[in-house]
PDB file of all heavy atoms in Angstrom:
ATOM      1  N   GLY A   1      73.380  80.417  81.449  1.00  0.00           N
ATOM      2  CA  GLY A   1      72.681  80.331  80.170  1.00  0.00           C
ATOM      3  C   GLY A   1      72.851  78.957  79.554  1.00  0.00           C
ATOM      4  O   GLY A   1      73.927  78.366  79.629  1.00  0.00           O
ATOM      5  N   VAL A   2      71.765  78.444  78.967  1.00  0.00           N
ATOM      6  CA  VAL A   2      71.820  77.167  78.246  1.00  0.00           C
ATOM      7  C   VAL A   2      71.309  77.418  76.835  1.00  0.00           C
ATOM      8  O   VAL A   2      70.106  77.602  76.621  1.00  0.00           O
ATOM      9  CB  VAL A   2      70.972  76.078  78.938  1.00  0.00           C
ATOM     10  CG1 VAL A   2      71.070  74.761  78.155  1.00  0.00           C
ATOM     11  CG2 VAL A   2      71.423  75.871  80.379  1.00  0.00           C
ATOM     12  N   GLY A   3      72.238  77.480  75.886  1.00  0.00           N
ATOM     13  CA  GLY A   3      71.849  77.671  74.489  1.00  0.00           C
ATOM     14  C   GLY A   3      71.446  76.347  73.845  1.00  0.00           C
ATOM     15  O   GLY A   3      71.692  75.273  74.400  1.00  0.00           O
ATOM     16  N   VAL A   4      70.830  76.426  72.682  1.00  0.00           N
ATOM     17  CA  VAL A   4      70.287  75.226  72.045  1.00  0.00           C
ATOM     18  C   VAL A   4      70.734  75.122  70.591  1.00  0.00           C
ATOM     19  O   VAL A   4      70.683  76.106  69.839  1.00  0.00           O
ATOM     20  CB  VAL A   4      68.745  75.216  72.107  1.00  0.00           C
ATOM     21  CG1 VAL A   4      68.190  74.042  71.317  1.00  0.00           C
ATOM     22  CG2 VAL A   4      68.267  75.172  73.546  1.00  0.00           C
ATOM     23  N   TYR A   5      71.195  73.936  70.205  1.00  0.00           N
ATOM     24  CA  TYR A   5      71.392  73.561  68.806  1.00  0.00           C
ATOM     25  C   TYR A   5      70.333  72.506  68.478  1.00  0.00           C
ATOM     26  O   TYR A   5      70.045  71.646  69.313  1.00  0.00           O
ATOM     27  CB  TYR A   5      72.765  72.921  68.565  1.00  0.00           C
ATOM     28  CG  TYR A   5      73.952  73.818  68.768  1.00  0.00           C
ATOM     29  CD1 TYR A   5      75.010  73.427  69.587  1.00  0.00           C
ATOM     30  CD2 TYR A   5      74.049  75.044  68.119  1.00  0.00           C
ATOM     31  CE1 TYR A   5      76.125  74.225  69.753  1.00  0.00           C
ATOM     32  CE2 TYR A   5      75.160  75.854  68.286  1.00  0.00           C
ATOM     33  CZ  TYR A   5      76.197  75.441  69.107  1.00  0.00           C
ATOM     34  OH  TYR A   5      77.296  76.239  69.268  1.00  0.00           O
ATOM     35  N   SER A   6      69.782  72.583  67.293  1.00  0.00           N
ATOM     36  CA  SER A   6      68.837  71.535  66.883  1.00  0.00           C
ATOM     37  C   SER A   6      69.514  70.604  65.891  1.00  0.00           C
ATOM     38  O   SER A   6      70.410  71.012  65.150  1.00  0.00           O
ATOM     39  CB  SER A   6      67.594  72.150  66.246  1.00  0.00           C
ATOM     40  OG  SER A   6      67.937  72.852  65.058  1.00  0.00           O
ATOM     41  N   PHE A   7      69.130  69.330  65.915  1.00  0.00           N
ATOM     42  CA  PHE A   7      69.673  68.398  64.926  1.00  0.00           C
ATOM     43  C   PHE A   7      68.532  67.696  64.186  1.00  0.00           C
ATOM     44  O   PHE A   7      67.443  67.495  64.734  1.00  0.00           O
ATOM     45  CB  PHE A   7      70.625  67.382  65.561  1.00  0.00           C
ATOM     46  CG  PHE A   7      69.995  66.427  66.542  1.00  0.00           C
ATOM     47  CD1 PHE A   7      69.384  65.248  66.107  1.00  0.00           C
ATOM     48  CD2 PHE A   7      70.040  66.674  67.905  1.00  0.00           C
ATOM     49  CE1 PHE A   7      68.823  64.352  67.011  1.00  0.00           C
ATOM     50  CE2 PHE A   7      69.479  65.791  68.819  1.00  0.00           C
ATOM     51  CZ  PHE A   7      68.864  64.634  68.362  1.00  0.00           C
ATOM     52  N   ASN A   8      68.788  67.371  62.938  1.00  0.00           N
ATOM     53  CA  ASN A   8      67.772  66.734  62.090  1.00  0.00           C
ATOM     54  C   ASN A   8      67.451  65.329  62.599  1.00  0.00           C
ATOM     55  O   ASN A   8      68.347  64.549  62.907  1.00  0.00           O
ATOM     56  CB  ASN A   8      68.262  66.637  60.648  1.00  0.00           C
ATOM     57  CG  ASN A   8      68.597  67.998  60.056  1.00  0.00           C
ATOM     58  OD1 ASN A   8      69.753  68.420  60.071  1.00  0.00           O
ATOM     59  ND2 ASN A   8      67.598  68.684  59.535  1.00  0.00           N
ATOM     60  N   THR A   9      66.172  65.024  62.664  1.00  0.00           N
ATOM     61  CA  THR A   9      65.763  63.715  63.174  1.00  0.00           C
ATOM     62  C   THR A   9      65.128  62.823  62.111  1.00  0.00           C
ATOM     63  O   THR A   9      65.053  61.610  62.295  1.00  0.00           O
ATOM     64  CB  THR A   9      64.747  63.888  64.318  1.00  0.00           C
ATOM     65  OG1 THR A   9      63.623  64.658  63.854  1.00  0.00           O
ATOM     66  CG2 THR A   9      65.382  64.592  65.505  1.00  0.00           C
ATOM     67  N   SER A  10      64.642  63.420  61.033  1.00  0.00           N
ATOM     68  CA  SER A  10      63.895  62.594  60.073  1.00  0.00           C
ATOM     69  C   SER A  10      64.295  62.842  58.621  1.00  0.00           C
ATOM     70  O   SER A  10      63.593  62.417  57.712  1.00  0.00           O
ATOM     71  CB  SER A  10      62.391  62.853  60.233  1.00  0.00           C
ATOM     72  OG  SER A  10      62.099  64.231  60.028  1.00  0.00           O
ATOM     73  N   ASP A  11      65.395  63.518  58.395  1.00  0.00           N
ATOM     74  CA  ASP A  11      65.810  63.853  57.034  1.00  0.00           C
ATOM     75  C   ASP A  11      67.124  63.125  56.712  1.00  0.00           C
ATOM     76  O   ASP A  11      68.194  63.523  57.170  1.00  0.00           O
ATOM     77  CB  ASP A  11      65.994  65.373  56.903  1.00  0.00           C
ATOM     78  CG  ASP A  11      66.103  65.806  55.445  1.00  0.00           C
ATOM     79  OD1 ASP A  11      66.641  65.014  54.639  1.00  0.00           O
ATOM     80  OD2 ASP A  11      65.675  66.932  55.128  1.00  0.00           O
ATOM     81  N   ASP A  12      67.031  62.040  55.956  1.00  0.00           N
ATOM     82  CA  ASP A  12      68.224  61.253  55.613  1.00  0.00           C
ATOM     83  C   ASP A  12      69.204  62.053  54.769  1.00  0.00           C
ATOM     84  O   ASP A  12      70.427  61.893  54.900  1.00  0.00           O
ATOM     85  CB  ASP A  12      67.812  59.990  54.863  1.00  0.00           C
ATOM     86  CG  ASP A  12      67.044  59.024  55.748  1.00  0.00           C
ATOM     87  OD1 ASP A  12      67.218  59.104  56.982  1.00  0.00           O
ATOM     88  OD2 ASP A  12      66.265  58.201  55.223  1.00  0.00           O
ATOM     89  N   GLU A  13      68.684  62.916  53.911  1.00  0.00           N
ATOM     90  CA  GLU A  13      69.557  63.735  53.069  1.00  0.00           C
ATOM     91  C   GLU A  13      70.405  64.669  53.926  1.00  0.00           C
ATOM     92  O   GLU A  13      71.602  64.859  53.680  1.00  0.00           O
ATOM     93  CB  GLU A  13      68.727  64.535  52.062  1.00  0.00           C
ATOM     94  CG  GLU A  13      69.577  65.364  51.106  1.00  0.00           C
ATOM     95  CD  GLU A  13      68.752  66.221  50.161  1.00  0.00           C
ATOM     96  OE1 GLU A  13      67.512  66.062  50.131  1.00  0.00           O
ATOM     97  OE2 GLU A  13      69.344  67.055  49.453  1.00  0.00           O
ATOM     98  N   ALA A  14      69.776  65.247  54.958  1.00  0.00           N
ATOM     99  CA  ALA A  14      70.495  66.148  55.859  1.00  0.00           C
ATOM    100  C   ALA A  14      71.608  65.396  56.591  1.00  0.00           C
ATOM    101  O   ALA A  14      72.702  65.931  56.811  1.00  0.00           O
ATOM    102  CB  ALA A  14      69.539  66.770  56.866  1.00  0.00           C
ATOM    103  N   ALA A  15      71.339  64.140  56.970  1.00  0.00           N
ATOM    104  CA  ALA A  15      72.355  63.334  57.650  1.00  0.00           C
ATOM    105  C   ALA A  15      73.543  63.080  56.740  1.00  0.00           C
ATOM    106  O   ALA A  15      74.703  63.128  57.173  1.00  0.00           O
ATOM    107  CB  ALA A  15      71.742  62.015  58.114  1.00  0.00           C
ATOM    108  N   GLN A  16      73.265  62.820  55.463  1.00  0.00           N
ATOM    109  CA  GLN A  16      74.346  62.602  54.500  1.00  0.00           C
ATOM    110  C   GLN A  16      75.165  63.874  54.295  1.00  0.00           C
ATOM    111  O   GLN A  16      76.395  63.836  54.195  1.00  0.00           O
ATOM    112  CB  GLN A  16      73.763  62.128  53.164  1.00  0.00           C
ATOM    113  CG  GLN A  16      73.142  60.732  53.229  1.00  0.00           C
ATOM    114  CD  GLN A  16      72.465  60.342  51.931  1.00  0.00           C
ATOM    115  OE1 GLN A  16      72.450  61.119  50.963  1.00  0.00           O
ATOM    116  NE2 GLN A  16      71.880  59.150  51.890  1.00  0.00           N
ATOM    117  N   ILE A  17      74.476  64.999  54.243  1.00  0.00           N
ATOM    118  CA  ILE A  17      75.170  66.283  54.088  1.00  0.00           C
ATOM    119  C   ILE A  17      76.092  66.522  55.285  1.00  0.00           C
ATOM    120  O   ILE A  17      77.242  66.952  55.129  1.00  0.00           O
ATOM    121  CB  ILE A  17      74.158  67.436  53.942  1.00  0.00           C
ATOM    122  CG1 ILE A  17      73.395  67.311  52.623  1.00  0.00           C
ATOM    123  CG2 ILE A  17      74.872  68.791  54.011  1.00  0.00           C
ATOM    124  CD1 ILE A  17      72.276  68.321  52.463  1.00  0.00           C
ATOM    125  N   ARG A  18      75.590  66.235  56.473  1.00  0.00           N
ATOM    126  CA  ARG A  18      76.395  66.433  57.685  1.00  0.00           C
ATOM    127  C   ARG A  18      77.676  65.602  57.623  1.00  0.00           C
ATOM    128  O   ARG A  18      78.777  66.102  57.926  1.00  0.00           O
ATOM    129  CB  ARG A  18      75.606  66.044  58.937  1.00  0.00           C
ATOM    130  CG  ARG A  18      76.445  66.132  60.226  1.00  0.00           C
ATOM    131  CD  ARG A  18      75.752  65.478  61.407  1.00  0.00           C
ATOM    132  NE  ARG A  18      76.691  65.366  62.522  1.00  0.00           N
ATOM    133  CZ  ARG A  18      76.833  66.253  63.502  1.00  0.00           C
ATOM    134  NH1 ARG A  18      76.079  67.340  63.506  1.00  0.00           N
ATOM    135  NH2 ARG A  18      77.701  66.070  64.465  1.00  0.00           N
ATOM    136  N   ASN A  19      77.562  64.351  57.251  1.00  0.00           N
ATOM    137  CA  ASN A  19      78.731  63.481  57.184  1.00  0.00           C
ATOM    138  C   ASN A  19      79.770  64.017  56.194  1.00  0.00           C
ATOM    139  O   ASN A  19      80.974  64.027  56.467  1.00  0.00           O
ATOM    140  CB  ASN A  19      78.315  62.064  56.777  1.00  0.00           C
ATOM    141  CG  ASN A  19      77.504  61.374  57.872  1.00  0.00           C
ATOM    142  OD1 ASN A  19      77.616  61.738  59.036  1.00  0.00           O
ATOM    143  ND2 ASN A  19      76.700  60.392  57.489  1.00  0.00           N
ATOM    144  N   THR A  20      79.292  64.485  55.038  1.00  0.00           N
ATOM    145  CA  THR A  20      80.206  65.015  54.015  1.00  0.00           C
ATOM    146  C   THR A  20      80.888  66.297  54.498  1.00  0.00           C
ATOM    147  O   THR A  20      82.105  66.483  54.352  1.00  0.00           O
ATOM    148  CB  THR A  20      79.443  65.299  52.714  1.00  0.00           C
ATOM    149  OG1 THR A  20      78.819  64.090  52.258  1.00  0.00           O
ATOM    150  CG2 THR A  20      80.378  65.826  51.639  1.00  0.00           C
ATOM    151  N   VAL A  21      80.083  67.187  55.088  1.00  0.00           N
ATOM    152  CA  VAL A  21      80.615  68.459  55.577  1.00  0.00           C
ATOM    153  C   VAL A  21      81.609  68.224  56.715  1.00  0.00           C
ATOM    154  O   VAL A  21      82.682  68.845  56.773  1.00  0.00           O
ATOM    155  CB  VAL A  21      79.472  69.386  56.044  1.00  0.00           C
ATOM    156  CG1 VAL A  21      80.036  70.604  56.780  1.00  0.00           C
ATOM    157  CG2 VAL A  21      78.633  69.834  54.857  1.00  0.00           C
ATOM    158  N   GLN A  22      81.265  67.317  57.616  1.00  0.00           N
ATOM    159  CA  GLN A  22      82.151  67.047  58.751  1.00  0.00           C
ATOM    160  C   GLN A  22      83.496  66.507  58.271  1.00  0.00           C
ATOM    161  O   GLN A  22      84.555  66.903  58.784  1.00  0.00           O
ATOM    162  CB  GLN A  22      81.491  66.042  59.700  1.00  0.00           C
ATOM    163  CG  GLN A  22      82.342  65.712  60.924  1.00  0.00           C
ATOM    164  CD  GLN A  22      81.551  65.007  61.997  1.00  0.00           C
ATOM    165  OE1 GLN A  22      80.737  65.604  62.684  1.00  0.00           O
ATOM    166  NE2 GLN A  22      81.792  63.713  62.146  1.00  0.00           N
ATOM    167  N   LYS A  23      83.479  65.619  57.285  1.00  0.00           N
ATOM    168  CA  LYS A  23      84.716  65.071  56.735  1.00  0.00           C
ATOM    169  C   LYS A  23      85.565  66.177  56.097  1.00  0.00           C
ATOM    170  O   LYS A  23      86.790  66.223  56.265  1.00  0.00           O
ATOM    171  CB  LYS A  23      84.383  63.995  55.699  1.00  0.00           C
ATOM    172  CG  LYS A  23      85.609  63.298  55.123  1.00  0.00           C
ATOM    173  CD  LYS A  23      85.191  62.204  54.153  1.00  0.00           C
ATOM    174  CE  LYS A  23      86.425  61.510  53.574  1.00  0.00           C
ATOM    175  NZ  LYS A  23      86.045  60.436  52.615  1.00  0.00           N
ATOM    176  N   THR A  24      84.914  67.094  55.420  1.00  0.00           N
ATOM    177  CA  THR A  24      85.616  68.208  54.769  1.00  0.00           C
ATOM    178  C   THR A  24      86.247  69.144  55.800  1.00  0.00           C
ATOM    179  O   THR A  24      87.400  69.565  55.671  1.00  0.00           O
ATOM    180  CB  THR A  24      84.651  69.010  53.876  1.00  0.00           C
ATOM    181  OG1 THR A  24      84.095  68.137  52.890  1.00  0.00           O
ATOM    182  CG2 THR A  24      85.362  70.164  53.198  1.00  0.00           C
ATOM    183  N   VAL A  25      85.470  69.467  56.828  1.00  0.00           N
ATOM    184  CA  VAL A  25      85.936  70.405  57.861  1.00  0.00           C
ATOM    185  C   VAL A  25      87.103  69.818  58.645  1.00  0.00           C
ATOM    186  O   VAL A  25      88.149  70.462  58.838  1.00  0.00           O
ATOM    187  CB  VAL A  25      84.781  70.775  58.815  1.00  0.00           C
ATOM    188  CG1 VAL A  25      85.317  71.533  60.037  1.00  0.00           C
ATOM    189  CG2 VAL A  25      83.741  71.614  58.088  1.00  0.00           C
ATOM    190  N   LEU A  26      86.941  68.587  59.130  1.00  0.00           N
ATOM    191  CA  LEU A  26      87.956  67.985  59.998  1.00  0.00           C
ATOM    192  C   LEU A  26      89.199  67.533  59.242  1.00  0.00           C
ATOM    193  O   LEU A  26      90.162  67.050  59.853  1.00  0.00           O
ATOM    194  CB  LEU A  26      87.352  66.817  60.769  1.00  0.00           C
ATOM    195  CG  LEU A  26      86.187  67.182  61.710  1.00  0.00           C
ATOM    196  CD1 LEU A  26      85.731  65.969  62.499  1.00  0.00           C
ATOM    197  CD2 LEU A  26      86.585  68.318  62.666  1.00  0.00           C
ATOM    198  N   ALA A  27      89.211  67.695  57.937  1.00  0.00           N
ATOM    199  CA  ALA A  27      90.427  67.418  57.161  1.00  0.00           C
ATOM    200  C   ALA A  27      91.516  68.435  57.471  1.00  0.00           C
ATOM    201  O   ALA A  27      92.701  68.204  57.214  1.00  0.00           O
ATOM    202  CB  ALA A  27      90.105  67.424  55.668  1.00  0.00           C
ATOM    203  N   HIS A  28      91.120  69.575  58.036  1.00  0.00           N
ATOM    204  CA  HIS A  28      92.075  70.618  58.433  1.00  0.00           C
ATOM    205  C   HIS A  28      92.536  70.371  59.874  1.00  0.00           C
ATOM    206  O   HIS A  28      91.708  70.141  60.764  1.00  0.00           O
ATOM    207  CB  HIS A  28      91.433  72.001  58.337  1.00  0.00           C
ATOM    208  CG  HIS A  28      91.010  72.368  56.943  1.00  0.00           C
ATOM    209  ND1 HIS A  28      91.892  72.829  55.992  1.00  0.00           N
ATOM    210  CD2 HIS A  28      89.780  72.329  56.338  1.00  0.00           C
ATOM    211  CE1 HIS A  28      91.236  73.073  54.866  1.00  0.00           C
ATOM    212  NE2 HIS A  28      89.956  72.773  55.047  1.00  0.00           N
TER     213      HIS A  28
END
């Protein structure tokens, strides 16, 4: 099986959200 994740390609706001969320998550 090959599952799929999609990533945002044209939404700058989504990219900023990802960076903030990733920093919050990996702080643990």
